[in-house]
Amino acid sequence: MIKELCLLMLLFVSVLSGAEKVSNPVSPVGHDPWIVLHDGVYYYCYSSGGRIKVNSSADMIEALQFRGKTVWRPERGKEYSQSLWAPELHYVQGRWYIYVAADDGRNENHRMFVLAAKSDDACGEYEFKGKISDKSDKWAIDGTVMEYAGGLYFIWSGWEGDEDVRQDLYIAPMSDPLTISGERVCISKPEYDWEKVGNPLVNEGPQILRSPAGDVFIIYSASGSWSDSYCLGQLRLIGADPLKAESWVKKDKPVFAGTDKVFSPGHASFTRSQDGKEDWIVYHTARAKGSGWRRDCNIKRFGWSETGEPVFGEPLDKGVLFPGPAGGDIVPEQPVK
């Protein structure tokens, strides 16, 4: 606890003094961090205390704090009243939407739901629009939206059947931001040893990442989030039709994994610096070895390989200073090793 407070004080001193150096964790509390940069503002969407909140700032690290405004609170006694997991804020077709997993208090009833903003303000009130599901209506969490080649797609983690034995990644077409319009297609199952730590087996947290050249990747989380072995895997779109399983190729090794000092890095989102020159991964880690779902929020700058794939390297050790994201006081671009 003392170490965490010292790191937090170091962060706040750096921010207040305008220093260019920061250190992880950038926030001592964090889970499934979702951040998006829109018109010069970072929006951080998260769940806390049975509510969905959105924090905003022109500064990435300031945005990644649990100081957001409540934008939606579910009614009691509904199928979506409890266990709000991993909300994501998306600006789709000119309107803000939030996609969130929720249930009625029983995990087997987890499904994806969608909210729509009542105004143009991402931090304003949202209205409940209903469940978003394909016709199979199976267990579902971690839904995200992909716009590709004029089409709209929903990607999520779900069960094949009605028992909690394995989480796979699915994709389905959308006719609009509120509606899945076709059957789901499985594009990833846990198959490598690094994806199979824990029971049930897990592929979850899919996130879209586009390269500077326009290539499309899904970066997802693998193995049990409660374990020290949670890590990130990668799918790459190689075919013209994202609804065909063979259009996605999986990397046989994790692309971002823990070290002997950093444990369970996972459930990432991606953004850019204010100057548009830097790519950043935002992710949670376990606060310490064996701490399970007690997690904090971290960031790291990453680059791209000659073959066009993201190069994340290793998570930065906690407490180690590094250049923060370029913004008002532009940090000179640093080479990615």
C-alpha atoms as a PDB file:
ATOM      1  CA  MET A   1       0.000   0.000   0.000  1.00  0.00           C
ATOM      2  CA  ILE A   2       2.825   2.417   0.893  1.00  0.00           C
ATOM      3  CA  LYS A   3       4.557   1.684  -2.416  1.00  0.00           C
ATOM      4  CA  GLU A   4       1.308   2.295  -4.346  1.00  0.00           C
ATOM      5  CA  LEU A   5       0.772   5.636  -2.580  1.00  0.00           C
ATOM      6  CA  CYS A   6       4.334   6.722  -3.339  1.00  0.00           C
ATOM      7  CA  LEU A   7       3.894   5.882  -7.021  1.00  0.00           C
ATOM      8  CA  LEU A   8       0.619   7.800  -7.100  1.00  0.00           C
ATOM      9  CA  MET A   9       2.241  10.853  -5.464  1.00  0.00           C
ATOM     10  CA  LEU A  10       5.086  10.699  -8.002  1.00  0.00           C
ATOM     11  CA  LEU A  11       2.555  10.663 -10.830  1.00  0.00           C
ATOM     12  CA  PHE A  12       0.621  13.654  -9.478  1.00  0.00           C
ATOM     13  CA  VAL A  13       3.818  15.640  -8.877  1.00  0.00           C
ATOM     14  CA  SER A  14       4.890  14.942 -12.463  1.00  0.00           C
ATOM     15  CA  VAL A  15       1.524  16.042 -13.846  1.00  0.00           C
ATOM     16  CA  LEU A  16       1.277  19.181 -11.719  1.00  0.00           C
ATOM     17  CA  SER A  17       4.845  20.257 -12.462  1.00  0.00           C
ATOM     18  CA  GLY A  18       4.465  19.721 -16.201  1.00  0.00           C
ATOM     19  CA  ALA A  19       7.240  17.136 -16.136  1.00  0.00           C
ATOM     20  CA  GLU A  20       7.669  14.989 -19.236  1.00  0.00           C
ATOM     21  CA  LYS A  21       8.398  11.827 -17.263  1.00  0.00           C
ATOM     22  CA  VAL A  22       5.727   9.499 -15.903  1.00  0.00           C
ATOM     23  CA  SER A  23       5.691   6.003 -14.428  1.00  0.00           C
ATOM     24  CA  ASN A  24       3.354   3.038 -14.220  1.00  0.00           C
ATOM     25  CA  PRO A  25       0.846   2.523 -12.863  1.00  0.00           C
ATOM     26  CA  VAL A  26      -0.613   5.790 -14.129  1.00  0.00           C
ATOM     27  CA  SER A  27      -3.653   5.054 -11.976  1.00  0.00           C
ATOM     28  CA  PRO A  28      -3.612   2.812  -8.875  1.00  0.00           C
ATOM     29  CA  VAL A  29      -7.098   1.503  -9.693  1.00  0.00           C
ATOM     30  CA  GLY A  30      -8.174   0.186 -13.057  1.00  0.00           C
ATOM     31  CA  HIS A  31      -9.788  -2.714 -14.867  1.00  0.00           C
ATOM     32  CA  ASP A  32     -10.472  -3.338 -18.550  1.00  0.00           C
ATOM     33  CA  PRO A  33      -9.398   0.216 -19.463  1.00  0.00           C
ATOM     34  CA  TRP A  34     -11.175   1.696 -22.476  1.00  0.00           C
ATOM     35  CA  ILE A  35      -9.987   5.067 -23.749  1.00  0.00           C
ATOM     36  CA  VAL A  36     -10.754   6.865 -26.997  1.00  0.00           C
ATOM     37  CA  LEU A  37      -9.405  10.136 -28.445  1.00  0.00           C
ATOM     38  CA  HIS A  38     -12.047  12.219 -30.232  1.00  0.00           C
ATOM     39  CA  ASP A  39     -11.672  15.824 -31.430  1.00  0.00           C
ATOM     40  CA  GLY A  40      -8.701  16.422 -29.124  1.00  0.00           C
ATOM     41  CA  VAL A  41     -10.320  14.959 -25.989  1.00  0.00           C
ATOM     42  CA  TYR A  42      -9.574  11.620 -24.335  1.00  0.00           C
ATOM     43  CA  TYR A  43     -12.640   9.821 -22.984  1.00  0.00           C
ATOM     44  CA  TYR A  44     -12.202   7.051 -20.422  1.00  0.00           C
ATOM     45  CA  CYS A  45     -15.240   4.810 -19.949  1.00  0.00           C
ATOM     46  CA  TYR A  46     -15.413   2.467 -16.954  1.00  0.00           C
ATOM     47  CA  SER A  47     -17.774   0.821 -14.478  1.00  0.00           C
ATOM     48  CA  SER A  48     -17.737   1.583 -10.778  1.00  0.00           C
ATOM     49  CA  GLY A  49     -20.246   1.076  -7.989  1.00  0.00           C
ATOM     50  CA  GLY A  50     -22.880  -0.403 -10.276  1.00  0.00           C
ATOM     51  CA  ARG A  51     -22.740   2.596 -12.609  1.00  0.00           C
ATOM     52  CA  ILE A  52     -21.065   3.530 -15.874  1.00  0.00           C
ATOM     53  CA  LYS A  53     -18.885   6.613 -15.751  1.00  0.00           C
ATOM     54  CA  VAL A  54     -16.943   8.653 -18.289  1.00  0.00           C
ATOM     55  CA  ASN A  55     -13.942  10.817 -17.469  1.00  0.00           C
ATOM     56  CA  SER A  56     -12.483  13.257 -19.987  1.00  0.00           C
ATOM     57  CA  SER A  57      -9.383  15.376 -20.427  1.00  0.00           C
ATOM     58  CA  ALA A  58      -7.077  16.659 -23.133  1.00  0.00           C
ATOM     59  CA  ASP A  59      -4.334  14.869 -21.164  1.00  0.00           C
ATOM     60  CA  MET A  60      -4.267  11.077 -21.515  1.00  0.00           C
ATOM     61  CA  ILE A  61      -3.119  10.367 -17.977  1.00  0.00           C
ATOM     62  CA  GLU A  62      -5.560  12.824 -16.433  1.00  0.00           C
ATOM     63  CA  ALA A  63      -8.331  11.065 -18.341  1.00  0.00           C
ATOM     64  CA  LEU A  64      -7.291   7.663 -16.971  1.00  0.00           C
ATOM     65  CA  GLN A  65      -8.390   8.456 -13.428  1.00  0.00           C
ATOM     66  CA  PHE A  66     -11.514   7.295 -11.595  1.00  0.00           C
ATOM     67  CA  ARG A  67     -12.928  10.822 -11.485  1.00  0.00           C
ATOM     68  CA  GLY A  68     -15.610  10.445 -14.130  1.00  0.00           C
ATOM     69  CA  LYS A  69     -19.213  11.519 -14.251  1.00  0.00           C
ATOM     70  CA  THR A  70     -21.999   8.940 -13.967  1.00  0.00           C
ATOM     71  CA  VAL A  71     -23.652   8.681 -17.374  1.00  0.00           C
ATOM     72  CA  TRP A  72     -25.934   5.698 -16.720  1.00  0.00           C
ATOM     73  CA  ARG A  73     -27.218   3.621 -13.835  1.00  0.00           C
ATOM     74  CA  PRO A  74     -29.378   0.548 -14.496  1.00  0.00           C
ATOM     75  CA  GLU A  75     -32.804   0.040 -13.012  1.00  0.00           C
ATOM     76  CA  ARG A  76     -33.071  -2.568 -10.284  1.00  0.00           C
ATOM     77  CA  GLY A  77     -34.504  -5.997 -10.951  1.00  0.00           C
ATOM     78  CA  LYS A  78     -33.668  -6.111 -14.652  1.00  0.00           C
ATOM     79  CA  GLU A  79     -31.642  -8.626 -16.659  1.00  0.00           C
ATOM     80  CA  TYR A  80     -28.951  -5.947 -16.958  1.00  0.00           C
ATOM     81  CA  SER A  81     -28.967  -4.571 -13.390  1.00  0.00           C
ATOM     82  CA  GLN A  82     -25.767  -6.162 -12.048  1.00  0.00           C
ATOM     83  CA  SER A  83     -22.148  -7.026 -12.862  1.00  0.00           C
ATOM     84  CA  LEU A  84     -21.491  -4.268 -15.392  1.00  0.00           C
ATOM     85  CA  TRP A  85     -18.319  -5.400 -17.128  1.00  0.00           C
ATOM     86  CA  ALA A  86     -15.901  -3.679 -19.516  1.00  0.00           C
ATOM     87  CA  PRO A  87     -18.031  -0.852 -20.955  1.00  0.00           C
ATOM     88  CA  GLU A  88     -16.762   0.611 -24.222  1.00  0.00           C
ATOM     89  CA  LEU A  89     -17.555   4.057 -25.590  1.00  0.00           C
ATOM     90  CA  HIS A  90     -17.765   4.311 -29.391  1.00  0.00           C
ATOM     91  CA  TYR A  91     -18.594   7.148 -31.750  1.00  0.00           C
ATOM     92  CA  VAL A  92     -20.456   5.397 -34.560  1.00  0.00           C
ATOM     93  CA  GLN A  93     -22.327   6.998 -37.437  1.00  0.00           C
ATOM     94  CA  GLY A  94     -22.430  10.382 -35.736  1.00  0.00           C
ATOM     95  CA  ARG A  95     -23.552   9.313 -32.256  1.00  0.00           C
ATOM     96  CA  TRP A  96     -21.970   8.090 -29.034  1.00  0.00           C
ATOM     97  CA  TYR A  97     -22.814   4.556 -27.885  1.00  0.00           C
ATOM     98  CA  ILE A  98     -21.732   2.480 -24.896  1.00  0.00           C
ATOM     99  CA  TYR A  99     -21.591  -1.317 -25.151  1.00  0.00           C
ATOM    100  CA  VAL A 100     -21.504  -3.149 -21.829  1.00  0.00           C
ATOM    101  CA  ALA A 101     -21.878  -6.684 -20.477  1.00  0.00           C
ATOM    102  CA  ALA A 102     -24.353  -7.113 -17.614  1.00  0.00           C
ATOM    103  CA  ASP A 103     -26.547  -9.716 -15.904  1.00  0.00           C
ATOM    104  CA  ASP A 104     -29.252 -10.183 -13.272  1.00  0.00           C
ATOM    105  CA  GLY A 105     -26.841 -11.401 -10.607  1.00  0.00           C
ATOM    106  CA  ARG A 106     -26.163 -14.779 -12.209  1.00  0.00           C
ATOM    107  CA  ASN A 107     -23.035 -14.982 -14.363  1.00  0.00           C
ATOM    108  CA  GLU A 108     -24.599 -17.487 -16.770  1.00  0.00           C
ATOM    109  CA  ASN A 109     -27.034 -14.740 -17.755  1.00  0.00           C
ATOM    110  CA  HIS A 110     -24.381 -12.272 -18.876  1.00  0.00           C
ATOM    111  CA  ARG A 111     -25.272 -10.644 -22.195  1.00  0.00           C
ATOM    112  CA  MET A 112     -24.232  -7.534 -24.126  1.00  0.00           C
ATOM    113  CA  PHE A 113     -26.344  -4.374 -23.963  1.00  0.00           C
ATOM    114  CA  VAL A 114     -26.147  -1.015 -25.699  1.00  0.00           C
ATOM    115  CA  LEU A 115     -26.766   2.555 -24.551  1.00  0.00           C
ATOM    116  CA  ALA A 116     -27.107   5.640 -26.762  1.00  0.00           C
ATOM    117  CA  ALA A 117     -26.155   9.196 -25.857  1.00  0.00           C
ATOM    118  CA  LYS A 118     -29.026  11.630 -25.465  1.00  0.00           C
ATOM    119  CA  SER A 119     -26.867  14.474 -26.790  1.00  0.00           C
ATOM    120  CA  ASP A 120     -23.561  15.142 -28.539  1.00  0.00           C
ATOM    121  CA  ASP A 121     -21.836  15.188 -25.159  1.00  0.00           C
ATOM    122  CA  ALA A 122     -19.930  11.936 -24.554  1.00  0.00           C
ATOM    123  CA  CYS A 123     -20.061  12.701 -20.824  1.00  0.00           C
ATOM    124  CA  GLY A 124     -23.804  13.397 -20.861  1.00  0.00           C
ATOM    125  CA  GLU A 125     -26.725  11.110 -20.127  1.00  0.00           C
ATOM    126  CA  TYR A 126     -27.318   7.833 -21.971  1.00  0.00           C
ATOM    127  CA  GLU A 127     -30.519   5.920 -22.601  1.00  0.00           C
ATOM    128  CA  PHE A 128     -30.882   2.166 -22.508  1.00  0.00           C
ATOM    129  CA  LYS A 129     -31.535   0.717 -25.962  1.00  0.00           C
ATOM    130  CA  GLY A 130     -31.625  -2.998 -25.215  1.00  0.00           C
ATOM    131  CA  LYS A 131     -29.763  -6.237 -25.659  1.00  0.00           C
ATOM    132  CA  ILE A 132     -27.455  -6.671 -28.637  1.00  0.00           C
ATOM    133  CA  SER A 133     -27.211 -10.322 -29.659  1.00  0.00           C
ATOM    134  CA  ASP A 134     -27.227 -12.715 -32.554  1.00  0.00           C
ATOM    135  CA  LYS A 135     -30.099 -15.193 -32.713  1.00  0.00           C
ATOM    136  CA  SER A 136     -28.241 -17.822 -30.645  1.00  0.00           C
ATOM    137  CA  ASP A 137     -28.461 -15.489 -27.603  1.00  0.00           C
ATOM    138  CA  LYS A 138     -25.596 -17.198 -25.758  1.00  0.00           C
ATOM    139  CA  TRP A 139     -23.478 -15.869 -22.878  1.00  0.00           C
ATOM    140  CA  ALA A 140     -21.566 -12.803 -24.077  1.00  0.00           C
ATOM    141  CA  ILE A 141     -19.120 -10.205 -22.709  1.00  0.00           C
ATOM    142  CA  ASP A 142     -16.504  -7.711 -23.959  1.00  0.00           C
ATOM    143  CA  GLY A 143     -18.326  -6.527 -27.067  1.00  0.00           C
ATOM    144  CA  THR A 144     -16.619  -4.082 -29.430  1.00  0.00           C
ATOM    145  CA  VAL A 145     -17.475  -2.510 -32.782  1.00  0.00           C
ATOM    146  CA  MET A 146     -15.465  -2.593 -36.003  1.00  0.00           C
ATOM    147  CA  GLU A 147     -16.090  -0.413 -39.027  1.00  0.00           C
ATOM    148  CA  TYR A 148     -14.465  -1.970 -42.084  1.00  0.00           C
ATOM    149  CA  ALA A 149     -14.833  -1.489 -45.851  1.00  0.00           C
ATOM    150  CA  GLY A 150     -18.194   0.198 -45.469  1.00  0.00           C
ATOM    151  CA  GLY A 151     -19.546  -2.486 -43.159  1.00  0.00           C
ATOM    152  CA  LEU A 152     -20.230  -2.584 -39.427  1.00  0.00           C
ATOM    153  CA  TYR A 153     -19.355  -5.603 -37.257  1.00  0.00           C
ATOM    154  CA  PHE A 154     -19.736  -6.675 -33.642  1.00  0.00           C
ATOM    155  CA  ILE A 155     -16.964  -8.746 -32.024  1.00  0.00           C
ATOM    156  CA  TRP A 156     -17.239 -10.309 -28.570  1.00  0.00           C
ATOM    157  CA  SER A 157     -16.281 -13.148 -26.235  1.00  0.00           C
ATOM    158  CA  GLY A 158     -18.869 -15.857 -25.699  1.00  0.00           C
ATOM    159  CA  TRP A 159     -19.741 -19.447 -24.939  1.00  0.00           C
ATOM    160  CA  GLU A 160     -20.342 -21.981 -27.659  1.00  0.00           C
ATOM    161  CA  GLY A 161     -23.138 -23.554 -25.627  1.00  0.00           C
ATOM    162  CA  ASP A 162     -24.768 -22.910 -22.257  1.00  0.00           C
ATOM    163  CA  GLU A 163     -21.980 -24.100 -19.947  1.00  0.00           C
ATOM    164  CA  ASP A 164     -18.922 -22.217 -18.719  1.00  0.00           C
ATOM    165  CA  VAL A 165     -16.174 -24.369 -20.222  1.00  0.00           C
ATOM    166  CA  ARG A 166     -14.548 -22.056 -22.778  1.00  0.00           C
ATOM    167  CA  GLN A 167     -14.745 -18.476 -24.032  1.00  0.00           C
ATOM    168  CA  ASP A 168     -14.282 -18.000 -27.783  1.00  0.00           C
ATOM    169  CA  LEU A 169     -14.194 -14.884 -29.949  1.00  0.00           C
ATOM    170  CA  TYR A 170     -17.119 -14.277 -32.289  1.00  0.00           C
ATOM    171  CA  ILE A 171     -17.926 -11.802 -35.051  1.00  0.00           C
ATOM    172  CA  ALA A 172     -21.272 -10.922 -36.637  1.00  0.00           C
ATOM    173  CA  PRO A 173     -22.552  -8.247 -39.048  1.00  0.00           C
ATOM    174  CA  MET A 174     -24.498  -5.229 -37.831  1.00  0.00           C
ATOM    175  CA  SER A 175     -27.213  -3.399 -39.749  1.00  0.00           C
ATOM    176  CA  ASP A 176     -26.848  -0.377 -37.443  1.00  0.00           C
ATOM    177  CA  PRO A 177     -25.125   0.411 -34.110  1.00  0.00           C
ATOM    178  CA  LEU A 178     -27.978  -1.234 -32.195  1.00  0.00           C
ATOM    179  CA  THR A 179     -28.567  -4.392 -34.201  1.00  0.00           C
ATOM    180  CA  ILE A 180     -26.719  -7.612 -35.053  1.00  0.00           C
ATOM    181  CA  SER A 181     -28.094  -8.688 -38.417  1.00  0.00           C
ATOM    182  CA  GLY A 182     -26.572 -12.109 -39.034  1.00  0.00           C
ATOM    183  CA  GLU A 183     -25.241 -15.282 -37.506  1.00  0.00           C
ATOM    184  CA  ARG A 184     -22.130 -15.276 -35.347  1.00  0.00           C
ATOM    185  CA  VAL A 185     -18.883 -16.760 -36.641  1.00  0.00           C
ATOM    186  CA  CYS A 186     -16.167 -18.093 -34.319  1.00  0.00           C
ATOM    187  CA  ILE A 187     -12.776 -16.619 -35.223  1.00  0.00           C
ATOM    188  CA  SER A 188     -10.662 -17.740 -32.246  1.00  0.00           C
ATOM    189  CA  LYS A 189     -10.595 -20.465 -29.590  1.00  0.00           C
ATOM    190  CA  PRO A 190      -7.967 -21.092 -26.899  1.00  0.00           C
ATOM    191  CA  GLU A 191      -5.546 -23.512 -28.583  1.00  0.00           C
ATOM    192  CA  TYR A 192      -1.975 -22.738 -27.464  1.00  0.00           C
ATOM    193  CA  ASP A 193      -0.610 -23.461 -23.992  1.00  0.00           C
ATOM    194  CA  TRP A 194      -0.314 -19.729 -23.206  1.00  0.00           C
ATOM    195  CA  GLU A 195      -4.071 -19.402 -23.867  1.00  0.00           C
ATOM    196  CA  LYS A 196      -5.010 -22.286 -21.590  1.00  0.00           C
ATOM    197  CA  VAL A 197      -3.948 -21.244 -18.102  1.00  0.00           C
ATOM    198  CA  GLY A 198      -6.951 -21.496 -15.802  1.00  0.00           C
ATOM    199  CA  ASN A 199     -10.397 -23.032 -15.978  1.00  0.00           C
ATOM    200  CA  PRO A 200     -12.517 -22.173 -17.915  1.00  0.00           C
ATOM    201  CA  LEU A 201     -10.331 -21.552 -20.966  1.00  0.00           C
ATOM    202  CA  VAL A 202     -10.394 -17.939 -22.060  1.00  0.00           C
ATOM    203  CA  ASN A 203     -10.193 -15.758 -25.161  1.00  0.00           C
ATOM    204  CA  GLU A 204     -11.756 -12.371 -24.334  1.00  0.00           C
ATOM    205  CA  GLY A 205     -11.366  -8.600 -24.514  1.00  0.00           C
ATOM    206  CA  PRO A 206     -11.070  -8.290 -28.322  1.00  0.00           C
ATOM    207  CA  GLN A 207      -9.894  -4.862 -29.489  1.00  0.00           C
ATOM    208  CA  ILE A 208      -9.451  -3.513 -33.001  1.00  0.00           C
ATOM    209  CA  LEU A 209      -6.041  -2.106 -33.876  1.00  0.00           C
ATOM    210  CA  ARG A 210      -5.193  -0.616 -37.259  1.00  0.00           C
ATOM    211  CA  SER A 211      -1.650  -0.202 -38.514  1.00  0.00           C
ATOM    212  CA  PRO A 212      -0.399   2.975 -40.223  1.00  0.00           C
ATOM    213  CA  ALA A 213      -0.695   1.046 -43.503  1.00  0.00           C
ATOM    214  CA  GLY A 214      -4.329   0.184 -42.816  1.00  0.00           C
ATOM    215  CA  ASP A 215      -3.940  -3.471 -41.797  1.00  0.00           C
ATOM    216  CA  VAL A 216      -6.500  -4.694 -39.258  1.00  0.00           C
ATOM    217  CA  PHE A 217      -5.660  -6.639 -36.110  1.00  0.00           C
ATOM    218  CA  ILE A 218      -7.647  -7.954 -33.168  1.00  0.00           C
ATOM    219  CA  ILE A 219      -5.626  -7.855 -29.971  1.00  0.00           C
ATOM    220  CA  TYR A 220      -7.327 -10.059 -27.389  1.00  0.00           C
ATOM    221  CA  SER A 221      -6.735 -11.340 -23.869  1.00  0.00           C
ATOM    222  CA  ALA A 222      -5.930 -14.986 -23.182  1.00  0.00           C
ATOM    223  CA  SER A 223      -5.863 -17.304 -20.140  1.00  0.00           C
ATOM    224  CA  GLY A 224      -7.618 -16.587 -16.864  1.00  0.00           C
ATOM    225  CA  SER A 225      -7.800 -12.909 -15.907  1.00  0.00           C
ATOM    226  CA  TRP A 226      -7.544 -14.023 -12.260  1.00  0.00           C
ATOM    227  CA  SER A 227      -4.188 -15.714 -12.909  1.00  0.00           C
ATOM    228  CA  ASP A 228      -0.662 -14.312 -13.197  1.00  0.00           C
ATOM    229  CA  SER A 229      -0.555 -15.594 -16.795  1.00  0.00           C
ATOM    230  CA  TYR A 230      -3.124 -13.293 -18.403  1.00  0.00           C
ATOM    231  CA  CYS A 231      -1.615 -11.966 -21.626  1.00  0.00           C
ATOM    232  CA  LEU A 232      -2.431 -10.568 -25.056  1.00  0.00           C
ATOM    233  CA  GLY A 233      -2.740 -12.513 -28.299  1.00  0.00           C
ATOM    234  CA  GLN A 234      -3.176 -11.333 -31.874  1.00  0.00           C
ATOM    235  CA  LEU A 235      -5.379 -12.044 -34.881  1.00  0.00           C
ATOM    236  CA  ARG A 236      -4.602 -10.456 -38.244  1.00  0.00           C
ATOM    237  CA  LEU A 237      -7.160  -9.937 -40.978  1.00  0.00           C
ATOM    238  CA  ILE A 238      -5.726 -11.441 -44.164  1.00  0.00           C
ATOM    239  CA  GLY A 239      -8.900 -12.069 -46.152  1.00  0.00           C
ATOM    240  CA  ALA A 240     -11.404  -9.745 -47.780  1.00  0.00           C
ATOM    241  CA  ASP A 241     -14.373 -10.950 -45.734  1.00  0.00           C
ATOM    242  CA  PRO A 242     -14.014 -10.586 -41.938  1.00  0.00           C
ATOM    243  CA  LEU A 243     -17.032 -12.894 -41.482  1.00  0.00           C
ATOM    244  CA  LYS A 244     -15.010 -15.875 -42.677  1.00  0.00           C
ATOM    245  CA  ALA A 245     -12.951 -17.600 -39.995  1.00  0.00           C
ATOM    246  CA  GLU A 246     -10.159 -18.285 -42.492  1.00  0.00           C
ATOM    247  CA  SER A 247      -9.791 -14.515 -43.044  1.00  0.00           C
ATOM    248  CA  TRP A 248      -8.140 -14.273 -39.608  1.00  0.00           C
ATOM    249  CA  VAL A 249      -4.725 -15.714 -38.762  1.00  0.00           C
ATOM    250  CA  LYS A 250      -3.599 -16.143 -35.159  1.00  0.00           C
ATOM    251  CA  LYS A 251      -0.052 -15.472 -33.974  1.00  0.00           C
ATOM    252  CA  ASP A 252       1.294 -18.566 -32.222  1.00  0.00           C
ATOM    253  CA  LYS A 253       2.912 -16.619 -29.378  1.00  0.00           C
ATOM    254  CA  PRO A 254       1.587 -13.906 -27.077  1.00  0.00           C
ATOM    255  CA  VAL A 255       2.312 -10.371 -28.248  1.00  0.00           C
ATOM    256  CA  PHE A 256       2.331  -8.885 -24.732  1.00  0.00           C
ATOM    257  CA  ALA A 257       2.987 -10.961 -21.630  1.00  0.00           C
ATOM    258  CA  GLY A 258       4.102 -10.589 -18.033  1.00  0.00           C
ATOM    259  CA  THR A 259       7.649 -10.543 -16.702  1.00  0.00           C
ATOM    260  CA  ASP A 260       9.221 -11.529 -13.403  1.00  0.00           C
ATOM    261  CA  LYS A 261       8.145  -8.120 -12.056  1.00  0.00           C
ATOM    262  CA  VAL A 262       4.894  -7.347 -13.905  1.00  0.00           C
ATOM    263  CA  PHE A 263       1.988  -9.782 -13.774  1.00  0.00           C
ATOM    264  CA  SER A 264      -1.125 -10.404 -15.824  1.00  0.00           C
ATOM    265  CA  PRO A 265      -1.043  -7.576 -18.406  1.00  0.00           C
ATOM    266  CA  GLY A 266      -4.263  -7.667 -20.361  1.00  0.00           C
ATOM    267  CA  HIS A 267      -7.548  -6.252 -21.624  1.00  0.00           C
ATOM    268  CA  ALA A 268      -5.949  -3.389 -23.506  1.00  0.00           C
ATOM    269  CA  SER A 269      -7.238  -0.500 -25.561  1.00  0.00           C
ATOM    270  CA  PHE A 270      -5.306   1.664 -27.988  1.00  0.00           C
ATOM    271  CA  THR A 271      -4.998   5.369 -28.624  1.00  0.00           C
ATOM    272  CA  ARG A 272      -2.640   7.996 -29.996  1.00  0.00           C
ATOM    273  CA  SER A 273      -0.841  11.014 -28.621  1.00  0.00           C
ATOM    274  CA  GLN A 274      -2.309  14.466 -29.157  1.00  0.00           C
ATOM    275  CA  ASP A 275       0.278  15.235 -31.848  1.00  0.00           C
ATOM    276  CA  GLY A 276      -0.792  12.118 -33.757  1.00  0.00           C
ATOM    277  CA  LYS A 277       2.729  10.713 -33.922  1.00  0.00           C
ATOM    278  CA  GLU A 278       2.689   8.124 -31.155  1.00  0.00           C
ATOM    279  CA  ASP A 279       0.746   4.886 -30.658  1.00  0.00           C
ATOM    280  CA  TRP A 280      -0.032   3.911 -27.069  1.00  0.00           C
ATOM    281  CA  ILE A 281      -1.379   0.768 -25.448  1.00  0.00           C
ATOM    282  CA  VAL A 282      -3.440   1.187 -22.270  1.00  0.00           C
ATOM    283  CA  TYR A 283      -3.748  -1.971 -20.176  1.00  0.00           C
ATOM    284  CA  HIS A 284      -4.314  -3.279 -16.687  1.00  0.00           C
ATOM    285  CA  THR A 285      -1.974  -5.447 -14.653  1.00  0.00           C
ATOM    286  CA  ALA A 286      -2.274  -7.270 -11.358  1.00  0.00           C
ATOM    287  CA  ARG A 287      -1.055  -5.014  -8.559  1.00  0.00           C
ATOM    288  CA  ALA A 288       1.268  -7.771  -7.390  1.00  0.00           C
ATOM    289  CA  LYS A 289       1.957 -11.450  -7.935  1.00  0.00           C
ATOM    290  CA  GLY A 290      -1.096 -13.470  -7.000  1.00  0.00           C
ATOM    291  CA  SER A 291      -3.376 -10.446  -6.519  1.00  0.00           C
ATOM    292  CA  GLY A 292      -5.873 -11.678  -9.111  1.00  0.00           C
ATOM    293  CA  TRP A 293      -8.533  -9.086  -9.906  1.00  0.00           C
ATOM    294  CA  ARG A 294      -6.891  -6.337  -7.810  1.00  0.00           C
ATOM    295  CA  ARG A 295      -5.568  -4.343 -10.766  1.00  0.00           C
ATOM    296  CA  ASP A 296      -4.082  -1.014 -11.785  1.00  0.00           C
ATOM    297  CA  CYS A 297      -3.912   0.952 -15.042  1.00  0.00           C
ATOM    298  CA  ASN A 298      -0.765   1.263 -17.157  1.00  0.00           C
ATOM    299  CA  ILE A 299       0.369   2.714 -20.478  1.00  0.00           C
ATOM    300  CA  LYS A 300       3.201   2.045 -22.915  1.00  0.00           C
ATOM    301  CA  ARG A 301       4.237   3.473 -26.237  1.00  0.00           C
ATOM    302  CA  PHE A 302       4.621   0.923 -29.041  1.00  0.00           C
ATOM    303  CA  GLY A 303       5.793   0.773 -32.625  1.00  0.00           C
ATOM    304  CA  TRP A 304       5.451  -1.320 -35.776  1.00  0.00           C
ATOM    305  CA  SER A 305       7.605  -3.979 -37.405  1.00  0.00           C
ATOM    306  CA  GLU A 306       8.770  -4.041 -41.020  1.00  0.00           C
ATOM    307  CA  THR A 307       6.010  -6.565 -41.730  1.00  0.00           C
ATOM    308  CA  GLY A 308       3.392  -4.141 -40.412  1.00  0.00           C
ATOM    309  CA  GLU A 309       2.673  -5.829 -37.086  1.00  0.00           C
ATOM    310  CA  PRO A 310       2.501  -4.054 -33.719  1.00  0.00           C
ATOM    311  CA  VAL A 311       5.581  -4.376 -31.523  1.00  0.00           C
ATOM    312  CA  PHE A 312       4.615  -4.017 -27.864  1.00  0.00           C
ATOM    313  CA  GLY A 313       7.792  -5.350 -26.247  1.00  0.00           C
ATOM    314  CA  GLU A 314       7.491  -6.047 -22.522  1.00  0.00           C
ATOM    315  CA  PRO A 315       5.431  -4.216 -19.903  1.00  0.00           C
ATOM    316  CA  LEU A 316       7.380  -1.435 -18.222  1.00  0.00           C
ATOM    317  CA  ASP A 317       8.386  -2.102 -14.627  1.00  0.00           C
ATOM    318  CA  LYS A 318       6.351  -0.194 -12.094  1.00  0.00           C
ATOM    319  CA  GLY A 319       8.017   2.955 -10.833  1.00  0.00           C
ATOM    320  CA  VAL A 320      10.366   3.308 -13.816  1.00  0.00           C
ATOM    321  CA  LEU A 321      10.179   6.776 -15.374  1.00  0.00           C
ATOM    322  CA  PHE A 322       9.598   7.144 -19.119  1.00  0.00           C
ATOM    323  CA  PRO A 323       8.563   9.945 -21.512  1.00  0.00           C
ATOM    324  CA  GLY A 324       4.840  10.548 -21.295  1.00  0.00           C
ATOM    325  CA  PRO A 325       2.492  10.969 -24.260  1.00  0.00           C
ATOM    326  CA  ALA A 326       3.155  13.971 -26.482  1.00  0.00           C
ATOM    327  CA  GLY A 327       0.597  16.700 -25.998  1.00  0.00           C
ATOM    328  CA  GLY A 328       0.591  20.381 -25.194  1.00  0.00           C
ATOM    329  CA  ASP A 329       4.294  20.334 -24.404  1.00  0.00           C
ATOM    330  CA  ILE A 330       5.358  18.002 -27.204  1.00  0.00           C
ATOM    331  CA  VAL A 331       7.681  15.221 -26.101  1.00  0.00           C
ATOM    332  CA  PRO A 332      10.274  14.508 -28.818  1.00  0.00           C
ATOM    333  CA  GLU A 333       9.477  11.291 -30.632  1.00  0.00           C
ATOM    334  CA  GLN A 334      11.394   8.374 -29.158  1.00  0.00           C
ATOM    335  CA  PRO A 335      12.620   5.396 -31.199  1.00  0.00           C
ATOM    336  CA  VAL A 336      10.866   2.146 -30.453  1.00  0.00           C
ATOM    337  CA  LYS A 337      13.339  -0.585 -29.544  1.00  0.00           C
END
